[in-house]
C-alpha atoms as a PDB file:
ATOM      1  CA  MET A   1       5.363  -9.292  33.896  1.00  0.00           C
ATOM      2  CA  ASP A   2       4.470  -5.809  32.532  1.00  0.00           C
ATOM      3  CA  ILE A   3       7.652  -3.572  32.740  1.00  0.00           C
ATOM      4  CA  CYS A   4       5.298  -0.457  32.590  1.00  0.00           C
ATOM      5  CA  LYS A   5       1.582  -0.269  33.768  1.00  0.00           C
ATOM      6  CA  ILE A   6      -0.564   2.073  31.288  1.00  0.00           C
ATOM      7  CA  PRO A   7      -1.545   4.879  33.924  1.00  0.00           C
ATOM      8  CA  GLU A   8      -5.214   5.365  34.855  1.00  0.00           C
ATOM      9  CA  ASN A   9      -7.060   8.461  33.583  1.00  0.00           C
ATOM     10  CA  ALA A  10      -5.610  10.550  36.343  1.00  0.00           C
ATOM     11  CA  SER A  11      -2.217  10.562  34.947  1.00  0.00           C
ATOM     12  CA  LYS A  12      -2.787   8.932  31.483  1.00  0.00           C
ATOM     13  CA  CYS A  13      -2.072  12.012  29.555  1.00  0.00           C
ATOM     14  CA  SER A  14       1.325  13.069  31.338  1.00  0.00           C
ATOM     15  CA  GLY A  15       4.959  12.721  30.130  1.00  0.00           C
ATOM     16  CA  SER A  16       5.372   9.180  31.530  1.00  0.00           C
ATOM     17  CA  THR A  17       2.605   7.642  29.792  1.00  0.00           C
ATOM     18  CA  MET A  18       5.063   8.057  26.570  1.00  0.00           C
ATOM     19  CA  GLU A  19       7.539   5.853  28.002  1.00  0.00           C
ATOM     20  CA  CYS A  20       5.022   3.290  29.099  1.00  0.00           C
ATOM     21  CA  PHE A  21       4.488   2.522  25.220  1.00  0.00           C
ATOM     22  CA  MET A  22       8.439   2.145  24.490  1.00  0.00           C
ATOM     23  CA  VAL A  23       8.218  -1.722  24.834  1.00  0.00           C
ATOM     24  CA  LEU A  24      11.686  -2.644  23.378  1.00  0.00           C
ATOM     25  CA  SER A  25      13.754  -3.246  26.388  1.00  0.00           C
ATOM     26  CA  THR A  26      16.919  -4.842  24.724  1.00  0.00           C
ATOM     27  CA  GLN A  27      19.640  -3.384  22.467  1.00  0.00           C
ATOM     28  CA  ALA A  28      19.309  -6.251  20.039  1.00  0.00           C
ATOM     29  CA  GLN A  29      15.511  -5.752  19.882  1.00  0.00           C
ATOM     30  CA  LYS A  30      16.090  -2.096  18.833  1.00  0.00           C
ATOM     31  CA  ILE A  31      18.713  -2.826  16.348  1.00  0.00           C
ATOM     32  CA  SER A  32      16.438  -5.605  14.836  1.00  0.00           C
ATOM     33  CA  ILE A  33      13.511  -2.981  14.415  1.00  0.00           C
ATOM     34  CA  ALA A  34      15.794  -0.240  12.795  1.00  0.00           C
ATOM     35  CA  THR A  35      17.631  -2.969  10.615  1.00  0.00           C
ATOM     36  CA  LEU A  36      13.740  -3.810   9.626  1.00  0.00           C
ATOM     37  CA  CYS A  37      12.386  -0.373   9.018  1.00  0.00           C
ATOM     38  CA  CYS A  38      15.447   0.878   7.453  1.00  0.00           C
ATOM     39  CA  LEU A  39      15.663  -2.123   5.270  1.00  0.00           C
ATOM     40  CA  PHE A  40      11.979  -2.411   3.959  1.00  0.00           C
ATOM     41  CA  GLY A  41      11.448   1.326   3.954  1.00  0.00           C
ATOM     42  CA  THR A  42      14.342   2.048   1.895  1.00  0.00           C
ATOM     43  CA  LEU A  43      13.537  -0.415  -0.814  1.00  0.00           C
ATOM     44  CA  CYS A  44       9.742   0.503  -0.698  1.00  0.00           C
ATOM     45  CA  VAL A  45      10.529   4.344  -1.047  1.00  0.00           C
ATOM     46  CA  PHE A  46      12.985   3.124  -4.363  1.00  0.00           C
ATOM     47  CA  GLU A  47      10.298   0.756  -5.639  1.00  0.00           C
ATOM     48  CA  ASN A  48       7.495   2.976  -5.497  1.00  0.00           C
ATOM     49  CA  SER A  49       9.195   5.699  -6.448  1.00  0.00           C
ATOM     50  CA  LEU A  50      10.544   3.888  -9.712  1.00  0.00           C
ATOM     51  CA  VAL A  51       6.781   2.434 -10.282  1.00  0.00           C
ATOM     52  CA  LEU A  52       5.454   6.402 -10.406  1.00  0.00           C
ATOM     53  CA  TYR A  53       8.369   7.153 -12.922  1.00  0.00           C
ATOM     54  CA  LEU A  54       7.315   4.443 -15.216  1.00  0.00           C
ATOM     55  CA  ILE A  55       3.507   4.973 -15.226  1.00  0.00           C
ATOM     56  CA  PHE A  56       4.258   8.611 -15.627  1.00  0.00           C
ATOM     57  CA  SER A  57       6.644   8.694 -18.290  1.00  0.00           C
ATOM     58  CA  SER A  58       4.581   6.727 -20.487  1.00  0.00           C
ATOM     59  CA  PRO A  59       1.892   8.447 -22.257  1.00  0.00           C
ATOM     60  CA  ARG A  60      -0.374   5.127 -22.225  1.00  0.00           C
ATOM     61  CA  THR A  61      -0.116   4.092 -18.748  1.00  0.00           C
ATOM     62  CA  ARG A  62      -0.376   7.470 -17.385  1.00  0.00           C
ATOM     63  CA  LYS A  63      -3.772   7.874 -19.029  1.00  0.00           C
ATOM     64  CA  LYS A  64      -5.411   4.615 -17.819  1.00  0.00           C
ATOM     65  CA  PRO A  65      -7.795   4.627 -14.808  1.00  0.00           C
ATOM     66  CA  SER A  66      -6.066   1.431 -13.886  1.00  0.00           C
ATOM     67  CA  TYR A  67      -2.647   2.668 -13.658  1.00  0.00           C
ATOM     68  CA  ILE A  68      -3.996   5.895 -11.869  1.00  0.00           C
ATOM     69  CA  PHE A  69      -5.427   3.988  -9.029  1.00  0.00           C
ATOM     70  CA  ILE A  70      -1.955   2.264  -9.046  1.00  0.00           C
ATOM     71  CA  SER A  71      -0.100   5.517  -8.636  1.00  0.00           C
ATOM     72  CA  SER A  72      -1.985   6.375  -6.036  1.00  0.00           C
ATOM     73  CA  LEU A  73      -1.408   3.259  -4.175  1.00  0.00           C
ATOM     74  CA  ALA A  74       2.137   3.767  -4.914  1.00  0.00           C
ATOM     75  CA  LEU A  75       1.950   7.383  -3.468  1.00  0.00           C
ATOM     76  CA  ALA A  76       0.395   6.388  -0.579  1.00  0.00           C
ATOM     77  CA  ASP A  77       2.927   3.427   0.052  1.00  0.00           C
ATOM     78  CA  ILE A  78       5.862   6.026  -0.456  1.00  0.00           C
ATOM     79  CA  LEU A  79       4.313   8.501   2.190  1.00  0.00           C
ATOM     80  CA  ALA A  80       3.559   5.731   4.848  1.00  0.00           C
ATOM     81  CA  SER A  81       7.126   4.469   4.325  1.00  0.00           C
ATOM     82  CA  ILE A  82       8.849   7.586   4.823  1.00  0.00           C
ATOM     83  CA  ILE A  83       6.416   8.873   7.836  1.00  0.00           C
ATOM     84  CA  PHE A  84       6.365   5.310   9.628  1.00  0.00           C
ATOM     85  CA  VAL A  85       9.887   4.859   9.643  1.00  0.00           C
ATOM     86  CA  CYS A  86      10.667   8.022  10.808  1.00  0.00           C
ATOM     87  CA  SER A  87       8.334   8.243  13.440  1.00  0.00           C
ATOM     88  CA  PHE A  88       8.572   4.675  14.283  1.00  0.00           C
ATOM     89  CA  VAL A  89      12.414   4.243  14.556  1.00  0.00           C
ATOM     90  CA  ASN A  90      12.723   7.550  16.572  1.00  0.00           C
ATOM     91  CA  PHE A  91      10.077   6.318  19.342  1.00  0.00           C
ATOM     92  CA  HIS A  92      10.905   2.975  19.799  1.00  0.00           C
ATOM     93  CA  VAL A  93      14.616   3.129  19.032  1.00  0.00           C
ATOM     94  CA  PHE A  94      15.898   6.539  20.130  1.00  0.00           C
ATOM     95  CA  ASN A  95      13.237   6.554  22.485  1.00  0.00           C
ATOM     96  CA  GLY A  96      12.474  10.264  21.611  1.00  0.00           C
ATOM     97  CA  THR A  97       9.759  12.086  23.651  1.00  0.00           C
ATOM     98  CA  GLY A  98      10.735  15.403  23.079  1.00  0.00           C
ATOM     99  CA  PHE A  99       7.541  16.321  21.349  1.00  0.00           C
ATOM    100  CA  SER A 100       3.966  17.236  22.468  1.00  0.00           C
ATOM    101  CA  LYS A 101       0.873  15.613  22.322  1.00  0.00           C
ATOM    102  CA  GLU A 102      -0.484  17.381  19.677  1.00  0.00           C
ATOM    103  CA  ALA A 103       2.828  16.089  17.522  1.00  0.00           C
ATOM    104  CA  PHE A 104       2.487  12.949  18.488  1.00  0.00           C
ATOM    105  CA  LEU A 105      -0.789  12.805  17.250  1.00  0.00           C
ATOM    106  CA  LEU A 106       0.059  14.599  13.984  1.00  0.00           C
ATOM    107  CA  GLN A 107       2.501  11.819  12.941  1.00  0.00           C
ATOM    108  CA  LEU A 108       0.305   9.337  13.848  1.00  0.00           C
ATOM    109  CA  GLY A 109      -2.152  11.006  11.526  1.00  0.00           C
ATOM    110  CA  GLY A 110       0.094  10.998   8.838  1.00  0.00           C
ATOM    111  CA  VAL A 111       0.853   7.198   9.043  1.00  0.00           C
ATOM    112  CA  ASN A 112      -2.818   6.733   9.247  1.00  0.00           C
ATOM    113  CA  THR A 113      -3.917   8.850   6.149  1.00  0.00           C
ATOM    114  CA  SER A 114      -0.833   6.820   4.167  1.00  0.00           C
ATOM    115  CA  PHE A 115      -1.846   3.467   5.374  1.00  0.00           C
ATOM    116  CA  SER A 116      -5.798   3.964   5.082  1.00  0.00           C
ATOM    117  CA  ALA A 117      -5.137   6.037   1.339  1.00  0.00           C
ATOM    118  CA  SER A 118      -3.253   2.722   0.426  1.00  0.00           C
ATOM    119  CA  LEU A 119      -5.983   0.220   1.329  1.00  0.00           C
ATOM    120  CA  SER A 120      -8.483   2.708  -0.380  1.00  0.00           C
ATOM    121  CA  SER A 121      -6.712   2.714  -3.603  1.00  0.00           C
ATOM    122  CA  LEU A 122      -6.765  -1.090  -3.642  1.00  0.00           C
ATOM    123  CA  LEU A 123     -10.071  -0.969  -3.248  1.00  0.00           C
ATOM    124  CA  LEU A 124     -10.792   1.542  -6.175  1.00  0.00           C
ATOM    125  CA  THR A 125      -8.479  -0.835  -8.209  1.00  0.00           C
ATOM    126  CA  ALA A 126     -10.573  -3.951  -7.320  1.00  0.00           C
ATOM    127  CA  LEU A 127     -13.783  -1.617  -8.350  1.00  0.00           C
ATOM    128  CA  ASP A 128     -11.895  -0.906 -11.519  1.00  0.00           C
ATOM    129  CA  ARG A 129     -11.003  -4.367 -12.533  1.00  0.00           C
ATOM    130  CA  TYR A 130     -14.745  -5.124 -11.260  1.00  0.00           C
ATOM    131  CA  VAL A 131     -16.122  -2.897 -13.689  1.00  0.00           C
ATOM    132  CA  SER A 132     -13.684  -3.867 -16.697  1.00  0.00           C
ATOM    133  CA  ILE A 133     -14.704  -7.701 -16.616  1.00  0.00           C
ATOM    134  CA  SER A 134     -18.262  -7.065 -15.788  1.00  0.00           C
ATOM    135  CA  ARG A 135     -18.955  -4.735 -18.128  1.00  0.00           C
ATOM    136  CA  PRO A 136     -16.276  -4.578 -20.709  1.00  0.00           C
ATOM    137  CA  SER A 137     -18.274  -2.652 -23.794  1.00  0.00           C
ATOM    138  CA  GLU A 138     -19.172   0.447 -21.227  1.00  0.00           C
ATOM    139  CA  TYR A 139     -15.897   0.372 -19.435  1.00  0.00           C
ATOM    140  CA  LYS A 140     -14.506   3.267 -20.957  1.00  0.00           C
ATOM    141  CA  LEU A 141     -17.635   5.408 -20.641  1.00  0.00           C
ATOM    142  CA  LEU A 142     -17.956   4.326 -16.761  1.00  0.00           C
ATOM    143  CA  MET A 143     -14.444   4.535 -16.014  1.00  0.00           C
ATOM    144  CA  THR A 144     -12.672   7.853 -17.571  1.00  0.00           C
ATOM    145  CA  ARG A 145      -9.929   9.748 -16.477  1.00  0.00           C
ATOM    146  CA  ARG A 146     -12.077  12.638 -14.912  1.00  0.00           C
ATOM    147  CA  ARG A 147     -14.076  10.263 -12.490  1.00  0.00           C
ATOM    148  CA  ALA A 148     -10.938   8.232 -11.632  1.00  0.00           C
ATOM    149  CA  TRP A 149      -8.876  11.718 -10.726  1.00  0.00           C
ATOM    150  CA  ILE A 150     -12.354  12.704  -8.361  1.00  0.00           C
ATOM    151  CA  ALA A 151     -12.589   9.643  -6.863  1.00  0.00           C
ATOM    152  CA  LEU A 152      -9.122   9.829  -6.014  1.00  0.00           C
ATOM    153  CA  GLY A 153      -9.569  13.160  -4.415  1.00  0.00           C
ATOM    154  CA  VAL A 154     -12.521  12.120  -2.296  1.00  0.00           C
ATOM    155  CA  LEU A 155     -10.645   9.062  -1.014  1.00  0.00           C
ATOM    156  CA  TRP A 156      -7.442  11.009   0.061  1.00  0.00           C
ATOM    157  CA  ALA A 157      -9.574  13.904   1.796  1.00  0.00           C
ATOM    158  CA  THR A 158     -11.931  11.131   3.196  1.00  0.00           C
ATOM    159  CA  CYS A 159      -8.553   9.225   4.721  1.00  0.00           C
ATOM    160  CA  ALA A 160      -7.048  12.773   6.023  1.00  0.00           C
ATOM    161  CA  ALA A 161     -10.440  13.955   7.514  1.00  0.00           C
ATOM    162  CA  GLU A 162     -10.596  10.297   9.530  1.00  0.00           C
ATOM    163  CA  ALA A 163      -7.110  10.038  10.333  1.00  0.00           C
ATOM    164  CA  SER A 164      -7.010  13.992  11.725  1.00  0.00           C
ATOM    165  CA  LEU A 165     -10.126  13.006  14.510  1.00  0.00           C
ATOM    166  CA  PRO A 166      -7.874  12.213  17.386  1.00  0.00           C
ATOM    167  CA  LEU A 167      -5.929  15.857  16.330  1.00  0.00           C
ATOM    168  CA  LEU A 168      -8.990  17.496  16.467  1.00  0.00           C
ATOM    169  CA  GLY A 169     -10.380  16.340  19.877  1.00  0.00           C
ATOM    170  CA  TRP A 170     -11.277  12.730  19.519  1.00  0.00           C
ATOM    171  CA  ASN A 171      -8.850  11.557  21.905  1.00  0.00           C
ATOM    172  CA  CYS A 172      -8.928  10.125  25.542  1.00  0.00           C
ATOM    173  CA  CYS A 173      -6.987  13.386  27.177  1.00  0.00           C
ATOM    174  CA  THR A 174      -9.654  15.262  25.596  1.00  0.00           C
ATOM    175  CA  LEU A 175     -12.967  13.107  26.418  1.00  0.00           C
ATOM    176  CA  ASP A 176     -11.275  11.548  29.479  1.00  0.00           C
ATOM    177  CA  SER A 177     -11.917   8.339  28.297  1.00  0.00           C
ATOM    178  CA  SER A 178      -9.832   4.805  28.348  1.00  0.00           C
ATOM    179  CA  CYS A 179      -6.894   5.081  26.304  1.00  0.00           C
ATOM    180  CA  SER A 180      -5.643   2.347  23.730  1.00  0.00           C
ATOM    181  CA  GLU A 181      -2.499   0.039  25.111  1.00  0.00           C
ATOM    182  CA  LEU A 182      -1.077   0.012  21.483  1.00  0.00           C
ATOM    183  CA  PHE A 183      -0.942   3.820  20.959  1.00  0.00           C
ATOM    184  CA  PRO A 184      -0.627   6.987  23.304  1.00  0.00           C
ATOM    185  CA  PHE A 185      -3.725   9.258  23.490  1.00  0.00           C
ATOM    186  CA  VAL A 186      -5.519   7.189  21.061  1.00  0.00           C
ATOM    187  CA  ASP A 187      -9.314   6.554  22.394  1.00  0.00           C
ATOM    188  CA  ASP A 188     -10.127   3.069  22.579  1.00  0.00           C
ATOM    189  CA  ASN A 189     -13.249   3.688  20.718  1.00  0.00           C
ATOM    190  CA  TYR A 190     -11.558   5.580  17.826  1.00  0.00           C
ATOM    191  CA  LEU A 191      -9.327   2.538  17.434  1.00  0.00           C
ATOM    192  CA  SER A 192     -12.043   0.142  17.426  1.00  0.00           C
ATOM    193  CA  GLY A 193     -13.799   2.029  14.433  1.00  0.00           C
ATOM    194  CA  TRP A 194     -10.699   2.643  12.688  1.00  0.00           C
ATOM    195  CA  VAL A 195     -10.468  -1.121  13.178  1.00  0.00           C
ATOM    196  CA  CYS A 196     -14.064  -1.958  11.727  1.00  0.00           C
ATOM    197  CA  LEU A 197     -13.521   0.467   8.755  1.00  0.00           C
ATOM    198  CA  THR A 198     -10.393  -1.368   7.611  1.00  0.00           C
ATOM    199  CA  LEU A 199     -12.406  -4.814   7.967  1.00  0.00           C
ATOM    200  CA  LEU A 200     -15.043  -3.197   6.098  1.00  0.00           C
ATOM    201  CA  LEU A 201     -12.550  -2.118   3.244  1.00  0.00           C
ATOM    202  CA  LEU A 202     -10.988  -5.570   3.166  1.00  0.00           C
ATOM    203  CA  GLY A 203     -14.330  -7.090   2.954  1.00  0.00           C
ATOM    204  CA  CYS A 204     -15.261  -5.053   0.036  1.00  0.00           C
ATOM    205  CA  ILE A 205     -11.788  -5.461  -1.947  1.00  0.00           C
ATOM    206  CA  VAL A 206     -12.077  -9.201  -1.093  1.00  0.00           C
ATOM    207  CA  TYR A 207     -15.970  -9.431  -2.304  1.00  0.00           C
ATOM    208  CA  ALA A 208     -15.033  -7.189  -5.698  1.00  0.00           C
ATOM    209  CA  TYR A 209     -12.153  -9.796  -6.412  1.00  0.00           C
ATOM    210  CA  ALA A 210     -14.062 -12.661  -5.730  1.00  0.00           C
ATOM    211  CA  HIS A 211     -16.518 -11.469  -8.768  1.00  0.00           C
ATOM    212  CA  VAL A 212     -13.519 -10.782 -10.774  1.00  0.00           C
ATOM    213  CA  LEU A 213     -12.031 -14.245 -10.604  1.00  0.00           C
ATOM    214  CA  TRP A 214     -15.312 -16.116 -11.105  1.00  0.00           C
ATOM    215  CA  ARG A 215     -15.813 -13.873 -14.090  1.00  0.00           C
ATOM    216  CA  ALA A 216     -12.132 -14.376 -15.322  1.00  0.00           C
ATOM    217  CA  ARG A 217     -13.119 -18.166 -15.171  1.00  0.00           C
ATOM    218  CA  GLN A 218     -15.672 -17.732 -17.324  1.00  0.00           C
ATOM    219  CA  HIS A 219     -13.658 -15.839 -19.688  1.00  0.00           C
ATOM    220  CA  VAL A 220     -10.799 -18.238 -20.005  1.00  0.00           C
ATOM    221  CA  ALA A 221     -13.643 -21.046 -20.420  1.00  0.00           C
ATOM    222  CA  TYR A 222     -15.003 -18.684 -23.208  1.00  0.00           C
ATOM    223  CA  MET A 223     -11.846 -18.375 -24.832  1.00  0.00           C
ATOM    224  CA  GLU A 224     -11.108 -22.137 -24.986  1.00  0.00           C
ATOM    225  CA  GLN A 225     -14.443 -22.620 -26.517  1.00  0.00           C
ATOM    226  CA  HIS A 226     -13.830 -20.210 -28.899  1.00  0.00           C
ATOM    227  CA  GLN A 227     -10.429 -20.404 -29.993  1.00  0.00           C
ATOM    228  CA  ALA A 228     -10.969 -19.533 -33.772  1.00  0.00           C
ATOM    229  CA  GLN A 229     -12.762 -16.462 -33.214  1.00  0.00           C
ATOM    230  CA  ALA A 230      -9.891 -14.949 -30.765  1.00  0.00           C
ATOM    231  CA  GLY A 231      -9.183 -11.750 -32.164  1.00  0.00           C
ATOM    232  CA  LYS A 232      -8.704  -8.003 -30.192  1.00  0.00           C
ATOM    233  CA  GLN A 233     -11.928  -8.763 -27.839  1.00  0.00           C
ATOM    234  CA  ASN A 234      -9.839 -12.007 -26.380  1.00  0.00           C
ATOM    235  CA  THR A 235      -6.584 -10.283 -26.307  1.00  0.00           C
ATOM    236  CA  ARG A 236      -8.463  -7.892 -23.903  1.00  0.00           C
ATOM    237  CA  MET A 237     -10.158 -10.673 -22.095  1.00  0.00           C
ATOM    238  CA  ARG A 238      -6.529 -12.136 -21.244  1.00  0.00           C
ATOM    239  CA  MET A 239      -5.336  -8.824 -20.178  1.00  0.00           C
ATOM    240  CA  ASP A 240      -8.086  -8.329 -17.662  1.00  0.00           C
ATOM    241  CA  VAL A 241      -7.567 -12.023 -16.479  1.00  0.00           C
ATOM    242  CA  ARG A 242      -3.908 -11.322 -16.134  1.00  0.00           C
ATOM    243  CA  LEU A 243      -4.287  -7.788 -14.166  1.00  0.00           C
ATOM    244  CA  ALA A 244      -6.827  -9.666 -11.817  1.00  0.00           C
ATOM    245  CA  LYS A 245      -4.623 -12.452 -11.109  1.00  0.00           C
ATOM    246  CA  THR A 246      -1.607  -9.699 -10.251  1.00  0.00           C
ATOM    247  CA  LEU A 247      -4.125  -8.093  -7.985  1.00  0.00           C
ATOM    248  CA  VAL A 248      -5.306 -10.756  -6.123  1.00  0.00           C
ATOM    249  CA  MET A 249      -1.948 -11.713  -5.085  1.00  0.00           C
ATOM    250  CA  VAL A 250      -1.395  -7.915  -3.764  1.00  0.00           C
ATOM    251  CA  LEU A 251      -4.709  -8.604  -1.853  1.00  0.00           C
ATOM    252  CA  ALA A 252      -3.221 -11.878  -0.712  1.00  0.00           C
ATOM    253  CA  VAL A 253       0.051 -10.103   0.449  1.00  0.00           C
ATOM    254  CA  LEU A 254      -2.060  -7.197   2.026  1.00  0.00           C
ATOM    255  CA  VAL A 255      -4.025  -9.558   4.137  1.00  0.00           C
ATOM    256  CA  LEU A 256      -1.173 -11.628   5.328  1.00  0.00           C
ATOM    257  CA  CYS A 257       0.545  -8.522   6.154  1.00  0.00           C
ATOM    258  CA  TRP A 258      -2.018  -6.911   7.925  1.00  0.00           C
ATOM    259  CA  SER A 259      -3.802  -9.649   9.702  1.00  0.00           C
ATOM    260  CA  PRO A 260      -0.944  -9.865  12.794  1.00  0.00           C
ATOM    261  CA  VAL A 261      -1.738  -6.329  13.501  1.00  0.00           C
ATOM    262  CA  LEU A 262      -5.541  -6.261  13.172  1.00  0.00           C
ATOM    263  CA  VAL A 263      -5.916  -9.394  15.209  1.00  0.00           C
ATOM    264  CA  LEU A 264      -3.721  -7.304  17.718  1.00  0.00           C
ATOM    265  CA  MET A 265      -5.733  -4.133  17.605  1.00  0.00           C
ATOM    266  CA  ILE A 266      -8.964  -6.015  17.967  1.00  0.00           C
ATOM    267  CA  TYR A 267      -7.626  -7.817  21.121  1.00  0.00           C
ATOM    268  CA  SER A 268      -6.283  -4.601  22.880  1.00  0.00           C
ATOM    269  CA  VAL A 269      -9.842  -3.133  23.099  1.00  0.00           C
ATOM    270  CA  PHE A 270     -11.453  -6.525  24.709  1.00  0.00           C
ATOM    271  CA  SER A 271      -8.244  -7.361  26.835  1.00  0.00           C
ATOM    272  CA  ARG A 272      -5.439  -6.066  28.467  1.00  0.00           C
ATOM    273  CA  LEU A 273      -2.236  -6.451  26.467  1.00  0.00           C
ATOM    274  CA  SER A 274       0.911  -8.102  28.085  1.00  0.00           C
ATOM    275  CA  ASP A 275       4.270  -6.394  27.740  1.00  0.00           C
ATOM    276  CA  ARG A 276       5.274  -9.361  25.327  1.00  0.00           C
ATOM    277  CA  LEU A 277       2.175  -8.735  23.151  1.00  0.00           C
ATOM    278  CA  ARG A 278       2.940  -5.264  22.740  1.00  0.00           C
ATOM    279  CA  LYS A 279       6.409  -6.505  21.447  1.00  0.00           C
ATOM    280  CA  VAL A 280       5.069  -8.647  19.305  1.00  0.00           C
ATOM    281  CA  PHE A 281       2.830  -5.735  17.804  1.00  0.00           C
ATOM    282  CA  ALA A 282       5.900  -3.162  17.276  1.00  0.00           C
ATOM    283  CA  PHE A 283       7.344  -6.059  15.109  1.00  0.00           C
ATOM    284  CA  CYS A 284       4.240  -6.995  13.092  1.00  0.00           C
ATOM    285  CA  SER A 285       3.694  -3.427  12.530  1.00  0.00           C
ATOM    286  CA  THR A 286       6.879  -3.883  10.252  1.00  0.00           C
ATOM    287  CA  LEU A 287       4.776  -6.256   7.943  1.00  0.00           C
ATOM    288  CA  CYS A 288       3.385  -3.241   6.731  1.00  0.00           C
ATOM    289  CA  LEU A 289       6.462  -1.645   5.260  1.00  0.00           C
ATOM    290  CA  LEU A 290       6.954  -5.266   3.780  1.00  0.00           C
ATOM    291  CA  ASN A 291       3.310  -5.269   2.208  1.00  0.00           C
ATOM    292  CA  SER A 292       4.247  -1.731   0.567  1.00  0.00           C
ATOM    293  CA  MET A 293       7.442  -3.270  -0.394  1.00  0.00           C
ATOM    294  CA  VAL A 294       6.175  -6.410  -1.802  1.00  0.00           C
ATOM    295  CA  ASN A 295       3.343  -4.369  -4.116  1.00  0.00           C
ATOM    296  CA  PRO A 296       5.841  -2.750  -6.738  1.00  0.00           C
ATOM    297  CA  ILE A 297       7.520  -6.224  -7.123  1.00  0.00           C
ATOM    298  CA  ILE A 298       4.254  -7.629  -8.204  1.00  0.00           C
ATOM    299  CA  TYR A 299       3.556  -5.010 -10.462  1.00  0.00           C
ATOM    300  CA  ALA A 300       6.902  -5.225 -12.170  1.00  0.00           C
ATOM    301  CA  LEU A 301       6.669  -9.005 -12.478  1.00  0.00           C
ATOM    302  CA  ARG A 302       3.061  -9.412 -13.827  1.00  0.00           C
ATOM    303  CA  SER A 303       2.446  -5.961 -15.755  1.00  0.00           C
ATOM    304  CA  LYS A 304       3.711  -6.236 -19.570  1.00  0.00           C
ATOM    305  CA  GLU A 305       3.570  -2.306 -19.905  1.00  0.00           C
ATOM    306  CA  LEU A 306       5.487  -1.950 -16.922  1.00  0.00           C
ATOM    307  CA  ASN A 307       8.170  -4.210 -17.597  1.00  0.00           C
ATOM    308  CA  SER A 308       8.220  -2.967 -21.128  1.00  0.00           C
ATOM    309  CA  SER A 309       8.969   0.668 -19.915  1.00  0.00           C
ATOM    310  CA  LEU A 310      11.477  -0.900 -17.111  1.00  0.00           C
ATOM    311  CA  ARG A 311      13.239  -2.229 -19.886  1.00  0.00           C
ATOM    312  CA  ARG A 312      13.497   0.888 -21.938  1.00  0.00           C
ATOM    313  CA  VAL A 313      14.610   2.770 -18.932  1.00  0.00           C
ATOM    314  CA  PHE A 314      17.403   0.276 -18.098  1.00  0.00           C
ATOM    315  CA  SER A 315      18.503   0.130 -21.933  1.00  0.00           C
ATOM    316  CA  HIS A 316      18.429   3.991 -21.503  1.00  0.00           C
ATOM    317  CA  PHE A 317      20.520   3.620 -18.660  1.00  0.00           C
ATOM    318  CA  ARG A 318      23.446   1.279 -20.177  1.00  0.00           C
ATOM    319  CA  ARG A 319      23.476   3.800 -23.268  1.00  0.00           C
ATOM    320  CA  GLN A 320      24.139   6.492 -21.043  1.00  0.00           C
ATOM    321  CA  LEU A 321      26.804   4.437 -18.782  1.00  0.00           C
ATOM    322  CA  LYS A 322      28.419   3.332 -22.209  1.00  0.00           C
ATOM    323  CA  GLY A 323      28.436   7.081 -23.865  1.00  0.00           C
ATOM    324  CA  PRO A 324      28.948   8.284 -27.141  1.00  0.00           C
ATOM    325  CA  GLU A 325      31.281   5.769 -27.925  1.00  0.00           C
ATOM    326  CA  GLU A 326      29.030   2.750 -28.025  1.00  0.00           C
ATOM    327  CA  SER A 327      29.796   0.190 -30.301  1.00  0.00           C
ATOM    328  CA  PRO A 328      27.906  -0.645 -33.678  1.00  0.00           C
ATOM    329  CA  GLU A 329      27.527  -3.901 -32.592  1.00  0.00           C
ATOM    330  CA  ALA A 330      25.986  -2.634 -29.594  1.00  0.00           C
ATOM    331  CA  GLU A 331      23.951  -0.179 -31.152  1.00  0.00           C
ATOM    332  CA  SER A 332      22.461  -2.853 -33.667  1.00  0.00           C
ATOM    333  CA  THR A 333      21.604  -5.069 -30.387  1.00  0.00           C
ATOM    334  CA  HIS A 334      20.033  -1.895 -28.847  1.00  0.00           C
ATOM    335  CA  ARG A 335      17.765  -1.329 -31.834  1.00  0.00           C
ATOM    336  CA  SER A 336      16.579  -4.985 -32.238  1.00  0.00           C
ATOM    337  CA  SER A 337      15.313  -4.811 -28.802  1.00  0.00           C
ATOM    338  CA  VAL A 338      13.333  -1.541 -29.099  1.00  0.00           C
ATOM    339  CA  VAL A 339      11.833  -3.334 -32.398  1.00  0.00           C
ATOM    340  CA  GLU A 340      10.950  -6.390 -29.859  1.00  0.00           C
ATOM    341  CA  THR A 341       9.365  -4.365 -27.234  1.00  0.00           C
ATOM    342  CA  VAL A 342       7.367  -2.292 -29.940  1.00  0.00           C
ATOM    343  CA  CYS A 343       6.139  -5.273 -31.539  1.00  0.00           C
ATOM    344  CA  GLU A 344       5.183  -6.852 -28.185  1.00  0.00           C
ATOM    345  CA  ASP A 345       3.170  -3.950 -26.999  1.00  0.00           C
ATOM    346  CA  ALA A 346       1.468  -4.015 -30.552  1.00  0.00           C
ATOM    347  CA  HIS A 347       0.438  -7.458 -29.855  1.00  0.00           C
ATOM    348  CA  VAL A 348      -0.628  -6.589 -26.685  1.00  0.00           C
ATOM    349  CA  THR A 349      -2.936  -3.786 -27.657  1.00  0.00           C
END
């Protein structure tokens, strides 16, 4: 049985409407949501901040379009985690309703902008890999730093504009239209459009990676047949194949984490949701945080450049803890580690 029915058009924009979306009815549910949000959110902010530091502290990585797009993804995940956790926990756990319709739509717009930018950054990264593996000889001419930053500027501006539409008037209160059963004040048509846009982005990413993997298999076959002619070109191919596999792992996690939320959004447009399904949606929303938390782990495990930078950071941190009285043996070990790292980087390049 539904605890609270969504009001009809005559009263759908009243203060009682907000309470109808607070579907967590027990203390255990609220504690579970708060624990998941705080855990995933804290780890997500820490990990993505570390990724940003590793990228921009290295002259090599911060100049590469691939890592520029990855840094945009990390920034979007940080913003999404902070805004989502604060607004989600305040609404569902503390039942905060002491803000206006405009304030709620502003918070929702921030979450929408961040998650849309995260998904769009993955699309740009997929296109970057597509160009790199499809036209390797022209990659540096086609994918420059200037074009990468312009693309990111357009991306973030578009996401912000799309997310601000409900605040600017495309909401069920202003239009006197049907409201979403998942988000207060959100028009059903706007939600349908956002879901369609998200599915389109996912489709483009899947298509790009399908082509990347197809070309990657061709490269692997080529390297096996021309092992004697290896050299620098084959090293570059191995790097492209490795990065393509990494980003496919990111895509797989993205689809698994976002599919439940998108399915429930689509279902809510065509059918009335029970209170149980709205509770399921609340818990599935935390999977978006899980996606943002897993992405940096995949980079750290799969990217040799970021892995090398991370080892240098840990080595520097250990030296700082030991202080100036570090033993000669430890200093010798550290120097050997640095030499090995430099040699590995030289081998990769």
